[in-house]
C-alpha atoms as a PDB file:
ATOM      1  CA  UNK A   1      16.329  38.666 -30.549  1.00  0.00           C
ATOM      2  CA  UNK A   2      14.271  35.578 -31.997  1.00  0.00           C
ATOM      3  CA  UNK A   3      11.775  35.058 -29.492  1.00  0.00           C
ATOM      4  CA  UNK A   4      11.367  39.230 -29.530  1.00  0.00           C
ATOM      5  CA  UNK A   5      10.869  38.991 -32.809  1.00  0.00           C
ATOM      6  CA  UNK A   6       8.647  35.992 -32.690  1.00  0.00           C
ATOM      7  CA  UNK A   7       6.581  37.837 -30.129  1.00  0.00           C
ATOM      8  CA  UNK A   8       5.824  40.635 -32.610  1.00  0.00           C
ATOM      9  CA  UNK A   9       4.782  38.277 -35.165  1.00  0.00           C
ATOM     10  CA  UNK A  10       2.592  36.530 -32.586  1.00  0.00           C
ATOM     11  CA  UNK A  11       1.259  39.817 -31.267  1.00  0.00           C
ATOM     12  CA  UNK A  12       1.103  41.393 -35.220  1.00  0.00           C
ATOM     13  CA  UNK A  13      -1.001  38.587 -36.357  1.00  0.00           C
ATOM     14  CA  UNK A  14      -3.631  38.609 -33.677  1.00  0.00           C
ATOM     15  CA  UNK A  15      -4.082  42.442 -34.523  1.00  0.00           C
ATOM     16  CA  UNK A  16      -3.984  41.665 -38.059  1.00  0.00           C
ATOM     17  CA  UNK A  17      -6.705  39.073 -37.767  1.00  0.00           C
ATOM     18  CA  UNK A  18      -9.089  40.907 -35.552  1.00  0.00           C
ATOM     19  CA  UNK A  19      -9.005  44.100 -37.957  1.00  0.00           C
ATOM     20  CA  UNK A  20      -9.229  41.634 -41.082  1.00  0.00           C
ATOM     21  CA  UNK A  21     -12.530  39.943 -39.201  1.00  0.00           C
ATOM     22  CA  UNK A  22     -14.136  42.937 -38.888  1.00  0.00           C
ATOM     23  CA  UNK A  23     -13.935  43.606 -42.479  1.00  0.00           C
ATOM     24  CA  UNK A  24     -14.933  40.096 -43.105  1.00  0.00           C
ATOM     25  CA  UNK A  25     -17.980  39.798 -41.198  1.00  0.00           C
ATOM     26  CA  UNK A  26     -19.105  43.218 -42.440  1.00  0.00           C
ATOM     27  CA  UNK A  27     -18.931  42.003 -45.946  1.00  0.00           C
ATOM     28  CA  UNK A  28     -20.737  38.948 -45.027  1.00  0.00           C
ATOM     29  CA  UNK A  29     -23.320  40.653 -42.682  1.00  0.00           C
ATOM     30  CA  UNK A  30     -24.119  42.381 -46.147  1.00  0.00           C
ATOM     31  CA  UNK A  31     -24.071  39.927 -48.945  1.00  0.00           C
ATOM     32  CA  UNK A  32     -21.055  40.497 -50.069  1.00  0.00           C
ATOM     33  CA  UNK A  33     -19.411  37.350 -51.596  1.00  0.00           C
ATOM     34  CA  UNK A  34     -15.765  37.247 -50.150  1.00  0.00           C
ATOM     35  CA  UNK A  35     -13.148  35.267 -52.482  1.00  0.00           C
ATOM     36  CA  UNK A  36     -10.011  35.413 -49.699  1.00  0.00           C
ATOM     37  CA  UNK A  37      -9.449  35.898 -46.223  1.00  0.00           C
ATOM     38  CA  UNK A  38      -5.505  35.365 -45.544  1.00  0.00           C
ATOM     39  CA  UNK A  39      -2.818  36.392 -42.697  1.00  0.00           C
ATOM     40  CA  UNK A  40      -0.013  37.885 -44.396  1.00  0.00           C
ATOM     41  CA  UNK A  41       0.397  38.559 -48.009  1.00  0.00           C
ATOM     42  CA  UNK A  42       2.474  36.471 -50.430  1.00  0.00           C
ATOM     43  CA  UNK A  43       2.192  33.179 -51.402  1.00  0.00           C
ATOM     44  CA  UNK A  44      -0.049  31.144 -49.279  1.00  0.00           C
ATOM     45  CA  UNK A  45       1.696  28.421 -46.453  1.00  0.00           C
ATOM     46  CA  UNK A  46      -1.409  26.969 -45.718  1.00  0.00           C
ATOM     47  CA  UNK A  47      -4.805  27.232 -47.422  1.00  0.00           C
ATOM     48  CA  UNK A  48      -8.384  25.341 -46.871  1.00  0.00           C
ATOM     49  CA  UNK A  49     -11.868  27.081 -49.039  1.00  0.00           C
ATOM     50  CA  UNK A  50     -14.715  26.633 -46.414  1.00  0.00           C
ATOM     51  CA  UNK A  51     -17.797  27.568 -48.764  1.00  0.00           C
ATOM     52  CA  UNK A  52     -17.206  30.440 -51.265  1.00  0.00           C
ATOM     53  CA  UNK A  53     -13.813  31.647 -49.188  1.00  0.00           C
ATOM     54  CA  UNK A  54     -10.489  30.344 -49.523  1.00  0.00           C
ATOM     55  CA  UNK A  55      -9.214  30.915 -46.019  1.00  0.00           C
ATOM     56  CA  UNK A  56      -5.171  31.349 -45.946  1.00  0.00           C
ATOM     57  CA  UNK A  57      -1.854  32.426 -43.826  1.00  0.00           C
ATOM     58  CA  UNK A  58       0.587  33.516 -46.380  1.00  0.00           C
ATOM     59  CA  UNK A  59       4.387  34.018 -46.089  1.00  0.00           C
ATOM     60  CA  UNK A  60       4.641  37.297 -45.121  1.00  0.00           C
ATOM     61  CA  UNK A  61       3.248  37.852 -41.743  1.00  0.00           C
ATOM     62  CA  UNK A  62       2.945  41.905 -41.563  1.00  0.00           C
ATOM     63  CA  UNK A  63      -0.347  42.260 -42.904  1.00  0.00           C
ATOM     64  CA  UNK A  64      -3.331  40.841 -44.508  1.00  0.00           C
ATOM     65  CA  UNK A  65      -6.202  40.919 -46.888  1.00  0.00           C
ATOM     66  CA  UNK A  66     -10.447  40.738 -47.321  1.00  0.00           C
ATOM     67  CA  UNK A  67     -10.439  40.121 -51.284  1.00  0.00           C
ATOM     68  CA  UNK A  68     -14.543  40.915 -51.921  1.00  0.00           C
ATOM     69  CA  UNK A  69     -16.429  40.410 -55.178  1.00  0.00           C
ATOM     70  CA  UNK A  70     -16.580  43.640 -57.179  1.00  0.00           C
ATOM     71  CA  UNK A  71     -14.193  45.589 -55.590  1.00  0.00           C
ATOM     72  CA  UNK A  72     -12.531  48.254 -58.032  1.00  0.00           C
ATOM     73  CA  UNK A  73     -10.304  48.581 -54.602  1.00  0.00           C
ATOM     74  CA  UNK A  74      -9.827  46.360 -51.798  1.00  0.00           C
ATOM     75  CA  UNK A  75     -10.515  47.693 -48.444  1.00  0.00           C
ATOM     76  CA  UNK A  76      -7.012  47.752 -47.886  1.00  0.00           C
ATOM     77  CA  UNK A  77      -6.456  49.941 -51.023  1.00  0.00           C
ATOM     78  CA  UNK A  78      -4.748  47.516 -53.622  1.00  0.00           C
ATOM     79  CA  UNK A  79      -6.529  46.760 -56.596  1.00  0.00           C
ATOM     80  CA  UNK A  80      -8.329  43.435 -57.383  1.00  0.00           C
ATOM     81  CA  UNK A  81      -8.106  41.532 -60.481  1.00  0.00           C
ATOM     82  CA  UNK A  82     -10.377  38.751 -59.485  1.00  0.00           C
ATOM     83  CA  UNK A  83     -13.589  40.484 -60.829  1.00  0.00           C
ATOM     84  CA  UNK A  84     -13.162  38.281 -64.397  1.00  0.00           C
ATOM     85  CA  UNK A  85     -12.904  35.100 -62.856  1.00  0.00           C
ATOM     86  CA  UNK A  86     -16.822  35.888 -60.828  1.00  0.00           C
ATOM     87  CA  UNK A  87     -19.074  35.299 -63.616  1.00  0.00           C
ATOM     88  CA  UNK A  88     -21.417  32.753 -61.963  1.00  0.00           C
ATOM     89  CA  UNK A  89     -21.544  35.456 -58.417  1.00  0.00           C
ATOM     90  CA  UNK A  90     -24.710  37.070 -58.975  1.00  0.00           C
ATOM     91  CA  UNK A  91     -24.209  41.399 -59.522  1.00  0.00           C
ATOM     92  CA  UNK A  92     -26.328  42.011 -56.150  1.00  0.00           C
ATOM     93  CA  UNK A  93     -23.317  39.806 -54.302  1.00  0.00           C
ATOM     94  CA  UNK A  94     -20.329  42.476 -55.683  1.00  0.00           C
ATOM     95  CA  UNK A  95     -19.423  44.669 -53.223  1.00  0.00           C
ATOM     96  CA  UNK A  96     -19.536  47.742 -55.622  1.00  0.00           C
ATOM     97  CA  UNK A  97     -23.266  46.996 -55.923  1.00  0.00           C
ATOM     98  CA  UNK A  98     -24.400  47.509 -52.533  1.00  0.00           C
ATOM     99  CA  UNK A  99     -25.419  50.580 -50.971  1.00  0.00           C
ATOM    100  CA  UNK A 100     -22.582  53.474 -50.174  1.00  0.00           C
ATOM    101  CA  UNK A 101     -23.528  53.018 -46.227  1.00  0.00           C
ATOM    102  CA  UNK A 102     -22.868  49.095 -46.567  1.00  0.00           C
ATOM    103  CA  UNK A 103     -19.800  49.671 -48.657  1.00  0.00           C
ATOM    104  CA  UNK A 104     -18.544  52.167 -45.444  1.00  0.00           C
ATOM    105  CA  UNK A 105     -19.653  49.579 -42.773  1.00  0.00           C
ATOM    106  CA  UNK A 106     -17.269  47.006 -44.527  1.00  0.00           C
ATOM    107  CA  UNK A 107     -14.648  49.501 -44.700  1.00  0.00           C
ATOM    108  CA  UNK A 108     -14.928  50.836 -40.866  1.00  0.00           C
ATOM    109  CA  UNK A 109     -15.390  47.580 -39.762  1.00  0.00           C
ATOM    110  CA  UNK A 110     -12.094  46.561 -39.024  1.00  0.00           C
ATOM    111  CA  UNK A 111     -10.936  49.767 -37.743  1.00  0.00           C
ATOM    112  CA  UNK A 112     -13.838  49.128 -35.064  1.00  0.00           C
ATOM    113  CA  UNK A 113     -12.954  45.808 -34.119  1.00  0.00           C
ATOM    114  CA  UNK A 114      -9.210  46.856 -33.342  1.00  0.00           C
ATOM    115  CA  UNK A 115     -10.753  49.783 -30.670  1.00  0.00           C
ATOM    116  CA  UNK A 116     -12.770  46.540 -29.219  1.00  0.00           C
ATOM    117  CA  UNK A 117     -10.100  44.553 -28.710  1.00  0.00           C
ATOM    118  CA  UNK A 118      -8.362  47.177 -27.136  1.00  0.00           C
ATOM    119  CA  UNK A 119     -11.495  47.630 -24.890  1.00  0.00           C
ATOM    120  CA  UNK A 120     -11.461  44.156 -23.611  1.00  0.00           C
ATOM    121  CA  UNK A 121      -7.584  44.037 -22.721  1.00  0.00           C
ATOM    122  CA  UNK A 122      -8.026  47.220 -20.934  1.00  0.00           C
ATOM    123  CA  UNK A 123     -10.649  45.529 -19.034  1.00  0.00           C
ATOM    124  CA  UNK A 124      -9.357  41.841 -18.798  1.00  0.00           C
ATOM    125  CA  UNK A 125      -5.928  43.444 -17.178  1.00  0.00           C
ATOM    126  CA  UNK A 126      -8.499  45.005 -14.692  1.00  0.00           C
ATOM    127  CA  UNK A 127      -9.859  42.216 -13.856  1.00  0.00           C
ATOM    128  CA  UNK A 128      -6.834  40.284 -13.972  1.00  0.00           C
ATOM    129  CA  UNK A 129      -4.639  42.180 -11.309  1.00  0.00           C
ATOM    130  CA  UNK A 130      -8.341  43.601  -9.886  1.00  0.00           C
ATOM    131  CA  UNK A 131      -7.274  47.085  -9.262  1.00  0.00           C
ATOM    132  CA  UNK A 132      -8.037  50.471 -10.795  1.00  0.00           C
ATOM    133  CA  UNK A 133      -5.476  53.618  -9.840  1.00  0.00           C
ATOM    134  CA  UNK A 134      -8.163  56.253  -9.859  1.00  0.00           C
ATOM    135  CA  UNK A 135      -7.434  60.152 -10.454  1.00  0.00           C
ATOM    136  CA  UNK A 136      -5.248  61.266  -7.797  1.00  0.00           C
ATOM    137  CA  UNK A 137      -6.364  63.685  -5.384  1.00  0.00           C
ATOM    138  CA  UNK A 138      -3.496  64.704  -3.389  1.00  0.00           C
ATOM    139  CA  UNK A 139      -1.703  67.942  -4.813  1.00  0.00           C
ATOM    140  CA  UNK A 140       2.321  67.335  -3.560  1.00  0.00           C
ATOM    141  CA  UNK A 141       4.566  70.435  -4.007  1.00  0.00           C
ATOM    142  CA  UNK A 142       8.359  71.204  -4.726  1.00  0.00           C
ATOM    143  CA  UNK A 143       9.440  74.513  -4.163  1.00  0.00           C
ATOM    144  CA  UNK A 144      11.973  77.213  -5.725  1.00  0.00           C
ATOM    145  CA  UNK A 145      14.613  78.457  -4.079  1.00  0.00           C
ATOM    146  CA  UNK A 146      14.056  81.970  -3.572  1.00  0.00           C
ATOM    147  CA  UNK A 147      10.803  82.046  -4.499  1.00  0.00           C
ATOM    148  CA  UNK A 148       8.031  83.996  -3.014  1.00  0.00           C
ATOM    149  CA  UNK A 149       6.658  80.276  -2.114  1.00  0.00           C
ATOM    150  CA  UNK A 150       9.863  79.840   0.032  1.00  0.00           C
ATOM    151  CA  UNK A 151       9.750  83.362   1.294  1.00  0.00           C
ATOM    152  CA  UNK A 152       6.193  82.314   2.236  1.00  0.00           C
ATOM    153  CA  UNK A 153       6.818  79.382   4.332  1.00  0.00           C
ATOM    154  CA  UNK A 154       6.140  76.279   1.731  1.00  0.00           C
ATOM    155  CA  UNK A 155       8.240  73.599   2.053  1.00  0.00           C
ATOM    156  CA  UNK A 156       8.688  70.803  -0.469  1.00  0.00           C
ATOM    157  CA  UNK A 157       6.145  67.911   0.477  1.00  0.00           C
ATOM    158  CA  UNK A 158       2.963  70.097   1.509  1.00  0.00           C
ATOM    159  CA  UNK A 159       0.175  69.041   0.412  1.00  0.00           C
ATOM    160  CA  UNK A 160      -2.523  71.887  -1.137  1.00  0.00           C
ATOM    161  CA  UNK A 161      -5.904  71.183  -0.141  1.00  0.00           C
ATOM    162  CA  UNK A 162      -6.952  75.018  -1.279  1.00  0.00           C
ATOM    163  CA  UNK A 163      -6.241  78.012  -2.996  1.00  0.00           C
ATOM    164  CA  UNK A 164      -8.106  80.971  -2.523  1.00  0.00           C
ATOM    165  CA  UNK A 165     -10.986  78.992  -0.487  1.00  0.00           C
ATOM    166  CA  UNK A 166     -11.163  76.795  -3.570  1.00  0.00           C
ATOM    167  CA  UNK A 167     -10.760  73.166  -3.298  1.00  0.00           C
ATOM    168  CA  UNK A 168      -8.220  71.684  -5.328  1.00  0.00           C
ATOM    169  CA  UNK A 169      -8.512  68.510  -6.989  1.00  0.00           C
ATOM    170  CA  UNK A 170      -5.884  68.406  -9.659  1.00  0.00           C
ATOM    171  CA  UNK A 171      -2.296  69.639 -10.278  1.00  0.00           C
ATOM    172  CA  UNK A 172      -2.850  72.101 -13.191  1.00  0.00           C
ATOM    173  CA  UNK A 173      -6.061  73.484 -10.874  1.00  0.00           C
ATOM    174  CA  UNK A 174      -3.545  74.913  -9.136  1.00  0.00           C
ATOM    175  CA  UNK A 175      -2.035  77.781 -11.157  1.00  0.00           C
ATOM    176  CA  UNK A 176      -5.460  78.450 -12.033  1.00  0.00           C
ATOM    177  CA  UNK A 177      -6.842  79.647  -9.051  1.00  0.00           C
ATOM    178  CA  UNK A 178      -3.548  81.823  -8.198  1.00  0.00           C
ATOM    179  CA  UNK A 179      -3.943  85.415  -8.821  1.00  0.00           C
ATOM    180  CA  UNK A 180      -1.221  86.355 -10.333  1.00  0.00           C
ATOM    181  CA  UNK A 181      -1.449  90.193  -9.591  1.00  0.00           C
ATOM    182  CA  UNK A 182       1.433  91.752  -7.874  1.00  0.00           C
ATOM    183  CA  UNK A 183      -0.424  93.426  -5.166  1.00  0.00           C
ATOM    184  CA  UNK A 184      -2.634  90.134  -4.965  1.00  0.00           C
ATOM    185  CA  UNK A 185      -2.582  87.599  -2.103  1.00  0.00           C
ATOM    186  CA  UNK A 186      -3.508  83.866  -2.855  1.00  0.00           C
ATOM    187  CA  UNK A 187      -4.513  82.120   0.519  1.00  0.00           C
ATOM    188  CA  UNK A 188      -3.158  78.294   0.236  1.00  0.00           C
ATOM    189  CA  UNK A 189      -4.144  75.946   2.835  1.00  0.00           C
ATOM    190  CA  UNK A 190      -1.527  73.315   3.178  1.00  0.00           C
ATOM    191  CA  UNK A 191      -1.456  69.837   5.356  1.00  0.00           C
ATOM    192  CA  UNK A 192       2.010  69.400   6.501  1.00  0.00           C
ATOM    193  CA  UNK A 193       2.649  66.198   8.057  1.00  0.00           C
ATOM    194  CA  UNK A 194      -0.137  65.791  10.567  1.00  0.00           C
ATOM    195  CA  UNK A 195      -1.136  69.784  10.759  1.00  0.00           C
ATOM    196  CA  UNK A 196      -2.922  72.267   8.498  1.00  0.00           C
ATOM    197  CA  UNK A 197      -1.605  75.313   7.671  1.00  0.00           C
ATOM    198  CA  UNK A 198      -2.717  78.832   5.706  1.00  0.00           C
ATOM    199  CA  UNK A 199       0.051  80.391   3.852  1.00  0.00           C
ATOM    200  CA  UNK A 200      -0.528  83.891   1.842  1.00  0.00           C
ATOM    201  CA  UNK A 201       1.493  84.293  -1.207  1.00  0.00           C
ATOM    202  CA  UNK A 202       1.799  87.149  -3.417  1.00  0.00           C
ATOM    203  CA  UNK A 203       3.604  86.860  -7.253  1.00  0.00           C
ATOM    204  CA  UNK A 204       6.739  88.266  -7.820  1.00  0.00           C
ATOM    205  CA  UNK A 205       8.397  89.458 -11.341  1.00  0.00           C
ATOM    206  CA  UNK A 206      10.579  86.626 -12.704  1.00  0.00           C
ATOM    207  CA  UNK A 207      13.382  88.254 -15.039  1.00  0.00           C
ATOM    208  CA  UNK A 208      14.724  85.245 -16.508  1.00  0.00           C
ATOM    209  CA  UNK A 209      10.988  83.896 -17.341  1.00  0.00           C
ATOM    210  CA  UNK A 210       9.400  87.111 -17.758  1.00  0.00           C
ATOM    211  CA  UNK A 211       6.548  87.272 -15.966  1.00  0.00           C
ATOM    212  CA  UNK A 212       4.823  86.112 -12.721  1.00  0.00           C
ATOM    213  CA  UNK A 213       5.610  83.750 -10.647  1.00  0.00           C
ATOM    214  CA  UNK A 214       4.948  82.042  -7.523  1.00  0.00           C
ATOM    215  CA  UNK A 215       7.242  78.949  -7.324  1.00  0.00           C
ATOM    216  CA  UNK A 216       5.689  75.698  -6.941  1.00  0.00           C
ATOM    217  CA  UNK A 217       5.383  72.599  -9.124  1.00  0.00           C
ATOM    218  CA  UNK A 218       3.012  70.421  -8.237  1.00  0.00           C
ATOM    219  CA  UNK A 219       2.718  66.955  -8.717  1.00  0.00           C
ATOM    220  CA  UNK A 220       0.174  64.008  -7.933  1.00  0.00           C
ATOM    221  CA  UNK A 221       0.153  61.006  -5.480  1.00  0.00           C
ATOM    222  CA  UNK A 222      -1.658  57.763  -6.967  1.00  0.00           C
ATOM    223  CA  UNK A 223      -4.529  57.303  -5.251  1.00  0.00           C
ATOM    224  CA  UNK A 224      -6.385  53.255  -5.950  1.00  0.00           C
ATOM    225  CA  UNK A 225     -10.060  52.917  -7.119  1.00  0.00           C
ATOM    226  CA  UNK A 226     -11.732  50.415  -7.340  1.00  0.00           C
ATOM    227  CA  UNK A 227     -10.094  46.935  -6.028  1.00  0.00           C
ATOM    228  CA  UNK A 228     -12.449  43.621  -7.405  1.00  0.00           C
ATOM    229  CA  UNK A 229     -12.939  41.568  -4.584  1.00  0.00           C
ATOM    230  CA  UNK A 230     -12.699  38.039  -5.490  1.00  0.00           C
ATOM    231  CA  UNK A 231      -8.781  39.215  -7.537  1.00  0.00           C
ATOM    232  CA  UNK A 232      -5.063  38.848  -6.028  1.00  0.00           C
ATOM    233  CA  UNK A 233      -4.868  42.782  -5.027  1.00  0.00           C
ATOM    234  CA  UNK A 234      -7.955  42.265  -2.506  1.00  0.00           C
ATOM    235  CA  UNK A 235      -6.570  39.586  -1.540  1.00  0.00           C
ATOM    236  CA  UNK A 236      -3.109  40.759  -0.838  1.00  0.00           C
ATOM    237  CA  UNK A 237      -4.908  43.787   0.996  1.00  0.00           C
ATOM    238  CA  UNK A 238      -5.225  46.460  -1.062  1.00  0.00           C
ATOM    239  CA  UNK A 239      -8.320  48.612  -0.600  1.00  0.00           C
ATOM    240  CA  UNK A 240     -10.279  51.477  -2.716  1.00  0.00           C
ATOM    241  CA  UNK A 241      -8.692  54.792  -1.136  1.00  0.00           C
ATOM    242  CA  UNK A 242      -5.300  53.605  -0.291  1.00  0.00           C
ATOM    243  CA  UNK A 243      -2.573  55.863  -2.040  1.00  0.00           C
ATOM    244  CA  UNK A 244       0.433  54.152  -2.972  1.00  0.00           C
ATOM    245  CA  UNK A 245       3.642  55.438  -1.625  1.00  0.00           C
ATOM    246  CA  UNK A 246       6.047  52.232  -3.154  1.00  0.00           C
ATOM    247  CA  UNK A 247       6.332  49.294  -5.324  1.00  0.00           C
ATOM    248  CA  UNK A 248       9.184  46.587  -4.267  1.00  0.00           C
ATOM    249  CA  UNK A 249      10.565  48.935  -1.811  1.00  0.00           C
ATOM    250  CA  UNK A 250      11.019  51.907  -4.507  1.00  0.00           C
ATOM    251  CA  UNK A 251       9.191  54.925  -3.224  1.00  0.00           C
ATOM    252  CA  UNK A 252       6.247  56.450  -5.807  1.00  0.00           C
ATOM    253  CA  UNK A 253       5.321  59.808  -5.188  1.00  0.00           C
ATOM    254  CA  UNK A 254       3.644  60.212  -8.676  1.00  0.00           C
ATOM    255  CA  UNK A 255       1.069  58.473 -10.787  1.00  0.00           C
ATOM    256  CA  UNK A 256       3.636  58.421 -13.517  1.00  0.00           C
ATOM    257  CA  UNK A 257       6.125  57.004 -11.740  1.00  0.00           C
ATOM    258  CA  UNK A 258       3.888  54.083 -10.588  1.00  0.00           C
ATOM    259  CA  UNK A 259       2.993  53.277 -14.209  1.00  0.00           C
ATOM    260  CA  UNK A 260       6.754  52.951 -14.920  1.00  0.00           C
ATOM    261  CA  UNK A 261       7.009  50.683 -11.903  1.00  0.00           C
ATOM    262  CA  UNK A 262       4.490  48.490 -12.999  1.00  0.00           C
ATOM    263  CA  UNK A 263       5.184  47.871 -16.392  1.00  0.00           C
ATOM    264  CA  UNK A 264       9.005  47.861 -15.635  1.00  0.00           C
END
């Protein structure tokens, strides 16, 4: 419990530092006088003044702030009562003296830095693991018992290649390609093990659902996209285009299952 809390505070402090650093850097670039850069709120535990700015770590680690001269409000929405202490600061270094674009750049710099941090962490995760899972290609179907699809010959595990001549690239496309008319026939091309089959299906009215149904459900198997050549995944034999079938002896059928197993 204590380790979990400590890890949470550590990670939160990094996120806060990056966020407030964005405000701080933008303020400095726009010539704004910065009084305080603090990680945390409340009483200051550690503090050091460098130039015009006091850098501090405060007692409550759940946030942070950048205090600038001439604010009517802080970037984070708190009031500033320090203007009366800044008689020697030139007016042009006050936050309120800057034009709207400069003030806006200070406000949005914090969220921008957080977005940049997320991008960097994503790139690092791919770099370290050396593997990127591409958008799934194979569409695997499960079949509703006694449905038109089962009557027509569909079996669980069939891979849908095309519907009515249109190649299927993602599971959500299957429904859009089916002709939902009781008098119409939708032609499926499917792969079953090593065989390629054509199956014709006509939708039927389902009283319980109150609509025409075919009775197949699709999900997508994860396919490996890019593999970094000098990464551990490549050294272990992983290659682009490979389909993930299992992880640690646990069968993987979908991209979501793969994510869960990797994160666990």
